[in-house]
């Protein structure tokens, strides 16, 4: 009788507060589905930038890839919830540790997707950079961020109980890469290496001075903090040369962003 009571109490406690632990297999499946999901986003972005005149409605091949990727991710999360609910977890705690915000992201994306369809039907299709500032697209981006960061959060929870190795860290690295890729996508309008309007009218001498001083000051502050807070093996030669080297690299990179007039006219 005591065993039955203790087992029932254990299940009830698990249903009230605890969540199932994540697994490496779960993280890998979400990573693969997120690749489909995020790849669809990039494909749709390419269409907005290059085929804007042919985008006449919400129902396009690019949206099909994008939204089927979302449906695949959402279906897998739903399957996880169902499986864990069968094991005794309450629906509200059925997703593994780290994936709580993923469910919120899927809900936000669903609302944003419905709103995006209505927005397109009422106001038309955005072209070029304006697609990045559409309210519904910003809502979609928020949902994507919460979803693709799921393996990162899951790995962080799991590594509190397990020893880290490359095999267990790889989903975390890919999840962080997906998150960075999303931010890069949303900031593509300001990418100076492909959008020359960002640097139009910029004064070259002042620009190159800034390109040198920014990393120089940053690394000067860094080496000072290292010397103050840590017992570093770096000598004065290393400490003095590192900021200069960083500034020189920044100065040289400025020629990639803003070539000299003599070079650009050749």
C-alpha atoms as a PDB file:
ATOM      1  CA  UNK A   1       0.000   0.000   0.000  1.00  0.00           C
ATOM      2  CA  UNK A   2       2.827   2.339   0.877  1.00  0.00           C
ATOM      3  CA  UNK A   3       4.497   1.608  -2.466  1.00  0.00           C
ATOM      4  CA  UNK A   4       1.294   2.435  -4.358  1.00  0.00           C
ATOM      5  CA  UNK A   5       0.869   5.676  -2.410  1.00  0.00           C
ATOM      6  CA  UNK A   6       4.470   6.757  -2.958  1.00  0.00           C
ATOM      7  CA  UNK A   7       4.240   5.980  -6.683  1.00  0.00           C
ATOM      8  CA  UNK A   8       1.031   7.993  -6.985  1.00  0.00           C
ATOM      9  CA  UNK A   9       2.607  10.891  -5.093  1.00  0.00           C
ATOM     10  CA  UNK A  10       5.623  10.763  -7.389  1.00  0.00           C
ATOM     11  CA  UNK A  11       3.436  10.938 -10.489  1.00  0.00           C
ATOM     12  CA  UNK A  12       1.370  13.784  -9.033  1.00  0.00           C
ATOM     13  CA  UNK A  13       4.516  15.775  -8.213  1.00  0.00           C
ATOM     14  CA  UNK A  14       5.780  15.173 -11.708  1.00  0.00           C
ATOM     15  CA  UNK A  15       2.519  16.409 -13.194  1.00  0.00           C
ATOM     16  CA  UNK A  16       2.437  19.569 -11.076  1.00  0.00           C
ATOM     17  CA  UNK A  17       5.887  21.032 -11.391  1.00  0.00           C
ATOM     18  CA  UNK A  18       8.492  18.948 -13.158  1.00  0.00           C
ATOM     19  CA  UNK A  19       9.206  18.707 -16.855  1.00  0.00           C
ATOM     20  CA  UNK A  20      10.738  15.794 -18.737  1.00  0.00           C
ATOM     21  CA  UNK A  21      14.451  16.068 -19.346  1.00  0.00           C
ATOM     22  CA  UNK A  22      15.541  16.853 -22.866  1.00  0.00           C
ATOM     23  CA  UNK A  23      17.696  14.530 -24.928  1.00  0.00           C
ATOM     24  CA  UNK A  24      20.345  14.824 -27.589  1.00  0.00           C
ATOM     25  CA  UNK A  25      18.052  13.068 -30.063  1.00  0.00           C
ATOM     26  CA  UNK A  26      15.270  15.586 -29.474  1.00  0.00           C
ATOM     27  CA  UNK A  27      17.665  18.487 -29.965  1.00  0.00           C
ATOM     28  CA  UNK A  28      18.937  17.054 -33.253  1.00  0.00           C
ATOM     29  CA  UNK A  29      15.430  16.572 -34.644  1.00  0.00           C
ATOM     30  CA  UNK A  30      14.528  20.180 -33.756  1.00  0.00           C
ATOM     31  CA  UNK A  31      17.790  21.341 -35.345  1.00  0.00           C
ATOM     32  CA  UNK A  32      16.978  19.560 -38.618  1.00  0.00           C
ATOM     33  CA  UNK A  33      13.413  20.879 -38.682  1.00  0.00           C
ATOM     34  CA  UNK A  34      14.644  24.370 -37.797  1.00  0.00           C
ATOM     35  CA  UNK A  35      16.988  24.216 -40.780  1.00  0.00           C
ATOM     36  CA  UNK A  36      13.939  23.623 -42.997  1.00  0.00           C
ATOM     37  CA  UNK A  37      12.049  26.393 -41.186  1.00  0.00           C
ATOM     38  CA  UNK A  38      14.839  28.978 -41.385  1.00  0.00           C
ATOM     39  CA  UNK A  39      15.762  27.925 -44.918  1.00  0.00           C
ATOM     40  CA  UNK A  40      12.210  28.708 -45.965  1.00  0.00           C
ATOM     41  CA  UNK A  41      12.575  32.156 -44.416  1.00  0.00           C
ATOM     42  CA  UNK A  42      15.721  32.845 -46.429  1.00  0.00           C
ATOM     43  CA  UNK A  43      14.066  31.553 -49.596  1.00  0.00           C
ATOM     44  CA  UNK A  44      11.098  33.843 -49.029  1.00  0.00           C
ATOM     45  CA  UNK A  45      13.467  36.742 -48.367  1.00  0.00           C
ATOM     46  CA  UNK A  46      15.236  36.036 -51.649  1.00  0.00           C
ATOM     47  CA  UNK A  47      11.892  36.124 -53.447  1.00  0.00           C
ATOM     48  CA  UNK A  48      10.997  39.466 -51.856  1.00  0.00           C
ATOM     49  CA  UNK A  49      14.343  40.936 -52.931  1.00  0.00           C
ATOM     50  CA  UNK A  50      14.451  39.522 -56.460  1.00  0.00           C
ATOM     51  CA  UNK A  51      10.923  38.589 -57.539  1.00  0.00           C
ATOM     52  CA  UNK A  52       8.821  41.298 -55.908  1.00  0.00           C
ATOM     53  CA  UNK A  53       6.901  42.009 -59.109  1.00  0.00           C
ATOM     54  CA  UNK A  54       5.731  38.392 -59.337  1.00  0.00           C
ATOM     55  CA  UNK A  55       4.516  38.129 -55.736  1.00  0.00           C
ATOM     56  CA  UNK A  56       0.840  38.822 -56.165  1.00  0.00           C
ATOM     57  CA  UNK A  57      -0.634  37.019 -53.158  1.00  0.00           C
ATOM     58  CA  UNK A  58       0.143  35.328 -49.884  1.00  0.00           C
ATOM     59  CA  UNK A  59       0.040  31.884 -51.526  1.00  0.00           C
ATOM     60  CA  UNK A  60       3.451  31.507 -53.172  1.00  0.00           C
ATOM     61  CA  UNK A  61       5.936  28.607 -53.504  1.00  0.00           C
ATOM     62  CA  UNK A  62       8.302  30.452 -51.170  1.00  0.00           C
ATOM     63  CA  UNK A  63       5.663  30.769 -48.468  1.00  0.00           C
ATOM     64  CA  UNK A  64       4.857  27.087 -48.989  1.00  0.00           C
ATOM     65  CA  UNK A  65       8.405  26.059 -48.065  1.00  0.00           C
ATOM     66  CA  UNK A  66       8.472  28.508 -45.164  1.00  0.00           C
ATOM     67  CA  UNK A  67       5.134  27.558 -43.626  1.00  0.00           C
ATOM     68  CA  UNK A  68       5.510  23.810 -44.145  1.00  0.00           C
ATOM     69  CA  UNK A  69       8.755  24.129 -42.215  1.00  0.00           C
ATOM     70  CA  UNK A  70       6.792  25.767 -39.441  1.00  0.00           C
ATOM     71  CA  UNK A  71       4.148  23.040 -39.546  1.00  0.00           C
ATOM     72  CA  UNK A  72       6.855  20.372 -39.311  1.00  0.00           C
ATOM     73  CA  UNK A  73       8.401  22.017 -36.245  1.00  0.00           C
ATOM     74  CA  UNK A  74       4.982  22.557 -34.645  1.00  0.00           C
ATOM     75  CA  UNK A  75       3.921  18.954 -35.340  1.00  0.00           C
ATOM     76  CA  UNK A  76       7.054  17.586 -33.686  1.00  0.00           C
ATOM     77  CA  UNK A  77       6.537  19.730 -30.597  1.00  0.00           C
ATOM     78  CA  UNK A  78       2.926  18.567 -30.466  1.00  0.00           C
ATOM     79  CA  UNK A  79       4.066  14.939 -30.720  1.00  0.00           C
ATOM     80  CA  UNK A  80       6.539  15.501 -27.864  1.00  0.00           C
ATOM     81  CA  UNK A  81       3.785  16.926 -25.693  1.00  0.00           C
ATOM     82  CA  UNK A  82       1.490  14.000 -26.467  1.00  0.00           C
ATOM     83  CA  UNK A  83       4.177  11.404 -25.736  1.00  0.00           C
ATOM     84  CA  UNK A  84       5.141  12.987 -22.427  1.00  0.00           C
ATOM     85  CA  UNK A  85       1.501  13.469 -21.442  1.00  0.00           C
ATOM     86  CA  UNK A  86       1.030   9.718 -21.872  1.00  0.00           C
ATOM     87  CA  UNK A  87       3.910   9.261 -19.417  1.00  0.00           C
ATOM     88  CA  UNK A  88       2.036  11.196 -16.736  1.00  0.00           C
ATOM     89  CA  UNK A  89       3.038  14.812 -17.318  1.00  0.00           C
ATOM     90  CA  UNK A  90       0.416  17.534 -17.373  1.00  0.00           C
ATOM     91  CA  UNK A  91      -0.126  19.201 -20.743  1.00  0.00           C
ATOM     92  CA  UNK A  92       1.301  22.482 -19.459  1.00  0.00           C
ATOM     93  CA  UNK A  93       4.553  20.776 -18.442  1.00  0.00           C
ATOM     94  CA  UNK A  94       4.766  18.146 -21.171  1.00  0.00           C
ATOM     95  CA  UNK A  95       7.515  19.770 -23.242  1.00  0.00           C
ATOM     96  CA  UNK A  96      11.127  18.970 -22.225  1.00  0.00           C
ATOM     97  CA  UNK A  97      13.233  21.399 -20.248  1.00  0.00           C
ATOM     98  CA  UNK A  98      14.319  24.275 -22.432  1.00  0.00           C
ATOM     99  CA  UNK A  99      11.407  24.034 -24.854  1.00  0.00           C
ATOM    100  CA  UNK A 100       8.870  25.964 -22.783  1.00  0.00           C
ATOM    101  CA  UNK A 101       9.501  29.161 -24.751  1.00  0.00           C
ATOM    102  CA  UNK A 102       9.393  27.208 -28.006  1.00  0.00           C
ATOM    103  CA  UNK A 103       5.686  26.626 -27.452  1.00  0.00           C
ATOM    104  CA  UNK A 104       5.204  30.359 -26.924  1.00  0.00           C
ATOM    105  CA  UNK A 105       7.166  30.965 -30.119  1.00  0.00           C
ATOM    106  CA  UNK A 106       4.924  28.607 -32.075  1.00  0.00           C
ATOM    107  CA  UNK A 107       1.825  30.405 -30.776  1.00  0.00           C
ATOM    108  CA  UNK A 108       3.296  33.825 -31.656  1.00  0.00           C
ATOM    109  CA  UNK A 109       4.233  32.599 -35.122  1.00  0.00           C
ATOM    110  CA  UNK A 110       0.724  31.195 -35.683  1.00  0.00           C
ATOM    111  CA  UNK A 111      -0.848  34.545 -34.796  1.00  0.00           C
ATOM    112  CA  UNK A 112       1.718  36.341 -36.945  1.00  0.00           C
ATOM    113  CA  UNK A 113       1.119  34.000 -39.888  1.00  0.00           C
ATOM    114  CA  UNK A 114      -2.625  34.597 -39.844  1.00  0.00           C
ATOM    115  CA  UNK A 115      -2.037  38.314 -39.474  1.00  0.00           C
ATOM    116  CA  UNK A 116       0.496  38.244 -42.331  1.00  0.00           C
ATOM    117  CA  UNK A 117      -2.040  36.664 -44.675  1.00  0.00           C
ATOM    118  CA  UNK A 118      -4.601  39.343 -43.825  1.00  0.00           C
ATOM    119  CA  UNK A 119      -1.974  42.086 -44.057  1.00  0.00           C
ATOM    120  CA  UNK A 120      -0.950  40.966 -47.559  1.00  0.00           C
ATOM    121  CA  UNK A 121      -4.520  40.727 -48.753  1.00  0.00           C
ATOM    122  CA  UNK A 122      -5.371  44.207 -47.438  1.00  0.00           C
ATOM    123  CA  UNK A 123      -2.171  46.180 -48.050  1.00  0.00           C
ATOM    124  CA  UNK A 124      -0.416  44.113 -50.723  1.00  0.00           C
ATOM    125  CA  UNK A 125       3.010  42.465 -50.821  1.00  0.00           C
ATOM    126  CA  UNK A 126       6.006  44.249 -49.363  1.00  0.00           C
ATOM    127  CA  UNK A 127       8.995  44.752 -51.649  1.00  0.00           C
ATOM    128  CA  UNK A 128      12.665  44.957 -50.720  1.00  0.00           C
ATOM    129  CA  UNK A 129      13.663  46.339 -47.349  1.00  0.00           C
ATOM    130  CA  UNK A 130      10.108  47.278 -46.341  1.00  0.00           C
ATOM    131  CA  UNK A 131       9.355  43.570 -45.860  1.00  0.00           C
ATOM    132  CA  UNK A 132      11.670  43.566 -42.824  1.00  0.00           C
ATOM    133  CA  UNK A 133       9.613  46.244 -41.054  1.00  0.00           C
ATOM    134  CA  UNK A 134       6.127  44.875 -41.587  1.00  0.00           C
ATOM    135  CA  UNK A 135       4.462  44.447 -38.155  1.00  0.00           C
ATOM    136  CA  UNK A 136       3.384  40.906 -38.961  1.00  0.00           C
ATOM    137  CA  UNK A 137       6.873  39.995 -40.177  1.00  0.00           C
ATOM    138  CA  UNK A 138       8.363  41.304 -36.939  1.00  0.00           C
ATOM    139  CA  UNK A 139       5.898  39.099 -35.069  1.00  0.00           C
ATOM    140  CA  UNK A 140       6.941  36.108 -37.190  1.00  0.00           C
ATOM    141  CA  UNK A 141      10.603  36.815 -36.479  1.00  0.00           C
ATOM    142  CA  UNK A 142       9.920  36.847 -32.735  1.00  0.00           C
ATOM    143  CA  UNK A 143       8.266  33.455 -32.959  1.00  0.00           C
ATOM    144  CA  UNK A 144      11.116  32.018 -35.050  1.00  0.00           C
ATOM    145  CA  UNK A 145      13.716  33.262 -32.553  1.00  0.00           C
ATOM    146  CA  UNK A 146      12.004  31.490 -29.659  1.00  0.00           C
ATOM    147  CA  UNK A 147      11.674  28.254 -31.643  1.00  0.00           C
ATOM    148  CA  UNK A 148      15.191  27.939 -33.121  1.00  0.00           C
ATOM    149  CA  UNK A 149      16.732  28.738 -29.716  1.00  0.00           C
ATOM    150  CA  UNK A 150      15.034  25.689 -28.178  1.00  0.00           C
ATOM    151  CA  UNK A 151      18.008  23.288 -28.573  1.00  0.00           C
ATOM    152  CA  UNK A 152      20.294  25.947 -27.105  1.00  0.00           C
ATOM    153  CA  UNK A 153      18.157  26.230 -23.976  1.00  0.00           C
ATOM    154  CA  UNK A 154      17.704  22.456 -23.784  1.00  0.00           C
ATOM    155  CA  UNK A 155      21.443  21.790 -23.996  1.00  0.00           C
ATOM    156  CA  UNK A 156      22.123  24.397 -21.328  1.00  0.00           C
ATOM    157  CA  UNK A 157      19.749  22.588 -18.944  1.00  0.00           C
ATOM    158  CA  UNK A 158      21.147  19.167 -19.810  1.00  0.00           C
ATOM    159  CA  UNK A 159      24.768  20.201 -19.326  1.00  0.00           C
ATOM    160  CA  UNK A 160      24.006  21.112 -15.722  1.00  0.00           C
ATOM    161  CA  UNK A 161      23.608  17.397 -15.103  1.00  0.00           C
ATOM    162  CA  UNK A 162      25.947  15.864 -17.686  1.00  0.00           C
ATOM    163  CA  UNK A 163      29.547  16.226 -18.792  1.00  0.00           C
ATOM    164  CA  UNK A 164      29.964  18.394 -21.872  1.00  0.00           C
ATOM    165  CA  UNK A 165      31.610  17.078 -25.035  1.00  0.00           C
ATOM    166  CA  UNK A 166      31.521  18.089 -28.694  1.00  0.00           C
ATOM    167  CA  UNK A 167      28.748  15.655 -29.483  1.00  0.00           C
ATOM    168  CA  UNK A 168      26.460  17.172 -26.857  1.00  0.00           C
ATOM    169  CA  UNK A 169      27.487  20.764 -27.615  1.00  0.00           C
ATOM    170  CA  UNK A 170      26.974  20.644 -31.375  1.00  0.00           C
ATOM    171  CA  UNK A 171      23.169  21.215 -31.260  1.00  0.00           C
ATOM    172  CA  UNK A 172      23.791  24.227 -29.013  1.00  0.00           C
ATOM    173  CA  UNK A 173      26.289  25.644 -31.514  1.00  0.00           C
ATOM    174  CA  UNK A 174      23.916  25.132 -34.443  1.00  0.00           C
ATOM    175  CA  UNK A 175      21.006  26.626 -32.494  1.00  0.00           C
ATOM    176  CA  UNK A 176      23.063  29.735 -31.737  1.00  0.00           C
ATOM    177  CA  UNK A 177      24.037  29.880 -35.424  1.00  0.00           C
ATOM    178  CA  UNK A 178      20.372  29.767 -36.450  1.00  0.00           C
ATOM    179  CA  UNK A 179      19.562  32.557 -34.007  1.00  0.00           C
ATOM    180  CA  UNK A 180      22.423  34.673 -35.344  1.00  0.00           C
ATOM    181  CA  UNK A 181      21.269  33.919 -38.905  1.00  0.00           C
ATOM    182  CA  UNK A 182      17.816  35.230 -38.039  1.00  0.00           C
ATOM    183  CA  UNK A 183      19.268  38.475 -36.686  1.00  0.00           C
ATOM    184  CA  UNK A 184      21.466  38.746 -39.789  1.00  0.00           C
ATOM    185  CA  UNK A 185      18.412  38.261 -41.994  1.00  0.00           C
ATOM    186  CA  UNK A 186      16.487  41.012 -40.221  1.00  0.00           C
ATOM    187  CA  UNK A 187      19.459  43.398 -40.485  1.00  0.00           C
ATOM    188  CA  UNK A 188      20.315  42.668 -44.119  1.00  0.00           C
ATOM    189  CA  UNK A 189      19.318  46.184 -45.177  1.00  0.00           C
ATOM    190  CA  UNK A 190      22.299  47.576 -43.223  1.00  0.00           C
ATOM    191  CA  UNK A 191      24.934  45.169 -44.573  1.00  0.00           C
ATOM    192  CA  UNK A 192      27.469  47.555 -46.040  1.00  0.00           C
ATOM    193  CA  UNK A 193      29.413  44.981 -48.078  1.00  0.00           C
ATOM    194  CA  UNK A 194      26.433  44.445 -50.398  1.00  0.00           C
ATOM    195  CA  UNK A 195      24.397  47.631 -49.895  1.00  0.00           C
ATOM    196  CA  UNK A 196      26.551  50.547 -50.942  1.00  0.00           C
ATOM    197  CA  UNK A 197      23.893  53.108 -49.953  1.00  0.00           C
ATOM    198  CA  UNK A 198      24.898  52.521 -46.331  1.00  0.00           C
ATOM    199  CA  UNK A 199      28.242  54.214 -46.955  1.00  0.00           C
ATOM    200  CA  UNK A 200      27.229  56.723 -49.619  1.00  0.00           C
ATOM    201  CA  UNK A 201      28.682  60.148 -48.846  1.00  0.00           C
ATOM    202  CA  UNK A 202      30.934  58.866 -46.055  1.00  0.00           C
ATOM    203  CA  UNK A 203      34.257  60.787 -45.722  1.00  0.00           C
ATOM    204  CA  UNK A 204      37.050  58.253 -46.430  1.00  0.00           C
ATOM    205  CA  UNK A 205      39.799  59.660 -44.190  1.00  0.00           C
ATOM    206  CA  UNK A 206      37.537  59.984 -41.161  1.00  0.00           C
ATOM    207  CA  UNK A 207      36.075  56.560 -41.910  1.00  0.00           C
ATOM    208  CA  UNK A 208      39.508  54.888 -41.919  1.00  0.00           C
ATOM    209  CA  UNK A 209      40.493  56.699 -38.730  1.00  0.00           C
ATOM    210  CA  UNK A 210      37.329  55.406 -37.058  1.00  0.00           C
ATOM    211  CA  UNK A 211      38.026  51.887 -38.390  1.00  0.00           C
ATOM    212  CA  UNK A 212      41.428  52.007 -36.678  1.00  0.00           C
ATOM    213  CA  UNK A 213      40.415  53.670 -33.411  1.00  0.00           C
ATOM    214  CA  UNK A 214      37.385  51.506 -32.614  1.00  0.00           C
ATOM    215  CA  UNK A 215      39.259  48.141 -32.312  1.00  0.00           C
ATOM    216  CA  UNK A 216      42.333  49.914 -30.917  1.00  0.00           C
ATOM    217  CA  UNK A 217      40.361  51.420 -28.011  1.00  0.00           C
ATOM    218  CA  UNK A 218      38.374  48.215 -27.502  1.00  0.00           C
ATOM    219  CA  UNK A 219      41.482  46.046 -27.162  1.00  0.00           C
ATOM    220  CA  UNK A 220      43.280  48.659 -25.080  1.00  0.00           C
ATOM    221  CA  UNK A 221      40.454  48.482 -22.548  1.00  0.00           C
ATOM    222  CA  UNK A 222      40.542  44.675 -22.816  1.00  0.00           C
ATOM    223  CA  UNK A 223      44.232  44.310 -21.988  1.00  0.00           C
ATOM    224  CA  UNK A 224      43.872  46.783 -19.131  1.00  0.00           C
ATOM    225  CA  UNK A 225      41.023  44.732 -17.676  1.00  0.00           C
ATOM    226  CA  UNK A 226      43.069  41.539 -18.077  1.00  0.00           C
ATOM    227  CA  UNK A 227      45.958  43.039 -16.165  1.00  0.00           C
ATOM    228  CA  UNK A 228      43.705  44.325 -13.394  1.00  0.00           C
ATOM    229  CA  UNK A 229      41.529  41.266 -12.907  1.00  0.00           C
ATOM    230  CA  UNK A 230      43.732  38.293 -13.856  1.00  0.00           C
ATOM    231  CA  UNK A 231      47.239  36.949 -13.454  1.00  0.00           C
ATOM    232  CA  UNK A 232      48.197  37.069 -17.127  1.00  0.00           C
ATOM    233  CA  UNK A 233      51.374  35.601 -18.615  1.00  0.00           C
ATOM    234  CA  UNK A 234      51.361  38.300 -21.322  1.00  0.00           C
ATOM    235  CA  UNK A 235      54.445  40.526 -21.377  1.00  0.00           C
ATOM    236  CA  UNK A 236      54.573  44.247 -22.071  1.00  0.00           C
ATOM    237  CA  UNK A 237      55.378  43.473 -25.711  1.00  0.00           C
ATOM    238  CA  UNK A 238      52.156  41.515 -26.116  1.00  0.00           C
ATOM    239  CA  UNK A 239      50.049  43.995 -24.167  1.00  0.00           C
ATOM    240  CA  UNK A 240      51.312  46.975 -26.147  1.00  0.00           C
ATOM    241  CA  UNK A 241      51.160  45.326 -29.542  1.00  0.00           C
ATOM    242  CA  UNK A 242      47.722  43.735 -29.407  1.00  0.00           C
ATOM    243  CA  UNK A 243      45.692  46.991 -29.632  1.00  0.00           C
ATOM    244  CA  UNK A 244      47.908  48.210 -32.485  1.00  0.00           C
ATOM    245  CA  UNK A 245      47.422  44.967 -34.389  1.00  0.00           C
ATOM    246  CA  UNK A 246      43.647  45.113 -33.871  1.00  0.00           C
ATOM    247  CA  UNK A 247      43.538  48.708 -35.089  1.00  0.00           C
ATOM    248  CA  UNK A 248      45.611  47.841 -38.151  1.00  0.00           C
ATOM    249  CA  UNK A 249      43.246  45.011 -39.076  1.00  0.00           C
ATOM    250  CA  UNK A 250      40.277  47.388 -38.729  1.00  0.00           C
ATOM    251  CA  UNK A 251      42.065  49.948 -40.913  1.00  0.00           C
ATOM    252  CA  UNK A 252      42.715  47.377 -43.646  1.00  0.00           C
ATOM    253  CA  UNK A 253      39.143  46.073 -43.506  1.00  0.00           C
ATOM    254  CA  UNK A 254      37.929  49.615 -44.158  1.00  0.00           C
ATOM    255  CA  UNK A 255      39.236  49.262 -47.713  1.00  0.00           C
ATOM    256  CA  UNK A 256      36.863  46.335 -48.290  1.00  0.00           C
ATOM    257  CA  UNK A 257      33.897  48.418 -47.214  1.00  0.00           C
ATOM    258  CA  UNK A 258      35.041  51.679 -48.823  1.00  0.00           C
ATOM    259  CA  UNK A 259      37.599  51.094 -51.610  1.00  0.00           C
ATOM    260  CA  UNK A 260      39.880  53.931 -52.620  1.00  0.00           C
ATOM    261  CA  UNK A 261      38.645  55.918 -55.652  1.00  0.00           C
ATOM    262  CA  UNK A 262      41.643  54.888 -57.777  1.00  0.00           C
ATOM    263  CA  UNK A 263      40.919  51.191 -57.148  1.00  0.00           C
ATOM    264  CA  UNK A 264      37.157  51.398 -57.669  1.00  0.00           C
ATOM    265  CA  UNK A 265      37.573  53.227 -61.017  1.00  0.00           C
ATOM    266  CA  UNK A 266      39.776  50.524 -62.524  1.00  0.00           C
END
